[in-house]
Amino acid sequence: MHERREHPRIDFLAQVQITRDDEVQILSTENISLGGLFLNADPYEYPGIHVGTDLDIMIFAADDIGFDLTCRARVVRVAGRATGQPGFGLQFTTIDEPSLQRLAEYIAHQERRQNGG
């Protein structure tokens, strides 16, 4: 199957606060790229979140990333239990340039580590 991603993704485990219509949830990430991230969650537990839903998100800094990231994202994919990896694929829609630059540096660093560099 051909991968349609514009940006490479890396494994990334962190907690994320998502806010929609004054409702706050804490979920965990699976991976991240410059274009978005994947949240581990059972979609049946979050019936108000579907493709097209806009969310305010805050990624809490893991020790190795060194910063919190706040942005806005849109749900572009919902994966059910049958996929083996249920959750939500989010695409960043609004992210400030300094945060995007820090994220790019972090991803590049992690890719070098994974490739033995």
Protein backbone atom coordinates (compact mmCIF):
# COMPACT_ATOMS: atom_id res chain seq x y z
CA MET A 1 0.00 0.00 0.00
CA HIS A 2 1.36 3.41 -0.95
CA GLU A 3 1.85 5.84 1.91
CA ARG A 4 0.25 9.23 1.08
CA ARG A 5 1.94 11.21 3.82
CA GLU A 6 3.71 14.44 3.04
CA HIS A 7 5.71 14.39 6.28
CA PRO A 8 7.50 11.43 7.86
CA ARG A 9 6.07 10.36 11.19
CA ILE A 10 7.92 9.13 14.22
CA ASP A 11 6.83 7.21 17.30
CA PHE A 12 5.89 9.73 19.94
CA LEU A 13 4.38 8.88 23.30
CA ALA A 14 2.93 11.81 25.21
CA GLN A 15 -0.26 12.99 26.83
CA VAL A 16 -2.43 15.40 24.90
CA GLN A 17 -5.20 17.61 26.19
CA ILE A 18 -7.93 18.06 23.60
CA THR A 19 -10.62 20.70 23.97
CA ARG A 20 -13.84 20.89 21.98
CA ASP A 21 -16.87 22.97 22.91
CA ASP A 22 -15.54 23.54 26.44
CA GLU A 23 -15.13 19.78 26.94
CA VAL A 24 -11.62 18.68 27.90
CA GLN A 25 -10.22 15.17 27.45
CA ILE A 26 -6.74 13.74 28.04
CA LEU A 27 -5.56 11.19 25.47
CA SER A 28 -2.22 9.64 24.50
CA THR A 29 -0.33 9.95 21.26
CA GLU A 30 1.02 7.13 19.11
CA ASN A 31 3.07 9.12 16.61
CA ILE A 32 3.63 12.63 15.30
CA SER A 33 4.83 14.42 12.16
CA LEU A 34 5.03 18.03 11.03
CA GLY A 35 1.57 17.55 9.56
CA GLY A 36 -0.24 16.06 12.54
CA LEU A 37 -0.46 13.24 15.05
CA PHE A 38 -2.33 10.07 15.91
CA LEU A 39 -4.21 9.77 19.19
CA ASN A 40 -4.81 6.37 20.80
CA ALA A 41 -8.46 6.15 21.78
CA ASP A 42 -11.54 4.05 21.26
CA PRO A 43 -13.76 6.18 19.00
CA TYR A 44 -16.87 4.64 20.60
CA GLU A 45 -15.92 6.40 23.83
CA TYR A 46 -15.79 9.78 22.05
CA PRO A 47 -18.93 9.93 19.88
CA GLY A 48 -18.69 13.71 19.44
CA ILE A 49 -15.32 13.43 17.69
CA HIS A 50 -15.52 12.52 14.02
CA VAL A 51 -13.89 13.39 10.71
CA GLY A 52 -14.03 17.16 10.32
CA THR A 53 -14.09 17.95 14.05
CA ASP A 54 -11.77 20.83 14.98
CA LEU A 55 -9.90 20.50 18.28
CA ASP A 56 -7.67 22.72 20.36
CA ILE A 57 -4.79 20.57 21.50
CA MET A 58 -1.92 20.86 23.94
CA ILE A 59 0.85 18.29 23.83
CA PHE A 60 2.46 18.06 27.24
CA ALA A 61 6.22 18.09 26.98
CA ALA A 62 7.90 14.79 27.42
CA ASP A 63 11.37 15.13 28.93
CA ASP A 64 13.03 14.56 25.58
CA ILE A 65 11.03 17.11 23.57
CA GLY A 66 11.61 19.94 26.03
CA PHE A 67 8.54 22.09 25.28
CA ASP A 68 4.76 22.09 25.33
CA LEU A 69 3.03 22.48 22.00
CA THR A 70 -0.33 24.20 21.66
CA CYS A 71 -2.15 24.25 18.34
CA ARG A 72 -5.39 23.57 16.52
CA ALA A 73 -6.04 20.39 14.57
CA ARG A 74 -8.78 18.74 12.54
CA VAL A 75 -9.76 15.08 12.71
CA VAL A 76 -8.99 13.57 9.29
CA ARG A 77 -9.26 9.88 10.15
CA VAL A 78 -11.13 7.77 12.66
CA ALA A 79 -9.84 4.22 13.11
CA GLY A 80 -12.15 1.75 14.84
CA ARG A 81 -11.27 -1.29 16.92
CA ALA A 82 -11.20 -3.55 13.85
CA THR A 83 -8.06 -1.75 12.61
CA GLY A 84 -6.06 -3.03 15.55
CA GLN A 85 -5.01 0.53 16.35
CA PRO A 86 -8.13 2.51 17.25
CA GLY A 87 -7.87 6.25 17.45
CA PHE A 88 -7.96 9.56 15.67
CA GLY A 89 -5.66 10.93 12.98
CA LEU A 90 -5.32 14.69 13.38
CA GLN A 91 -3.96 17.23 10.91
CA PHE A 92 -2.51 20.45 12.31
CA THR A 93 -4.45 23.45 11.03
CA THR A 94 -2.94 26.23 13.14
CA ILE A 95 0.50 26.05 14.72
CA ASP A 96 2.83 28.97 15.41
CA GLU A 97 6.14 29.11 13.59
CA PRO A 98 8.40 28.72 16.68
CA SER A 99 6.50 25.57 17.74
CA LEU A 100 6.64 24.18 14.22
CA GLN A 101 10.39 24.82 14.09
CA ARG A 102 10.98 23.12 17.47
CA LEU A 103 8.87 20.17 16.34
CA ALA A 104 10.85 19.92 13.08
CA GLU A 105 14.13 19.91 15.02
CA TYR A 106 12.83 17.25 17.40
CA ILE A 107 11.64 15.01 14.55
CA ALA A 108 14.93 15.40 12.67
CA HIS A 109 16.86 14.53 15.85
CA GLN A 110 14.72 11.43 16.45
CA GLU A 111 15.13 10.29 12.83
CA ARG A 112 18.93 10.61 13.14
CA ARG A 113 18.86 8.57 16.36
CA GLN A 114 16.74 5.86 14.74
CA ASN A 115 19.09 5.73 11.75
CA GLY A 116 22.17 5.42 13.94
CA GLY A 117 23.38 9.00 13.38
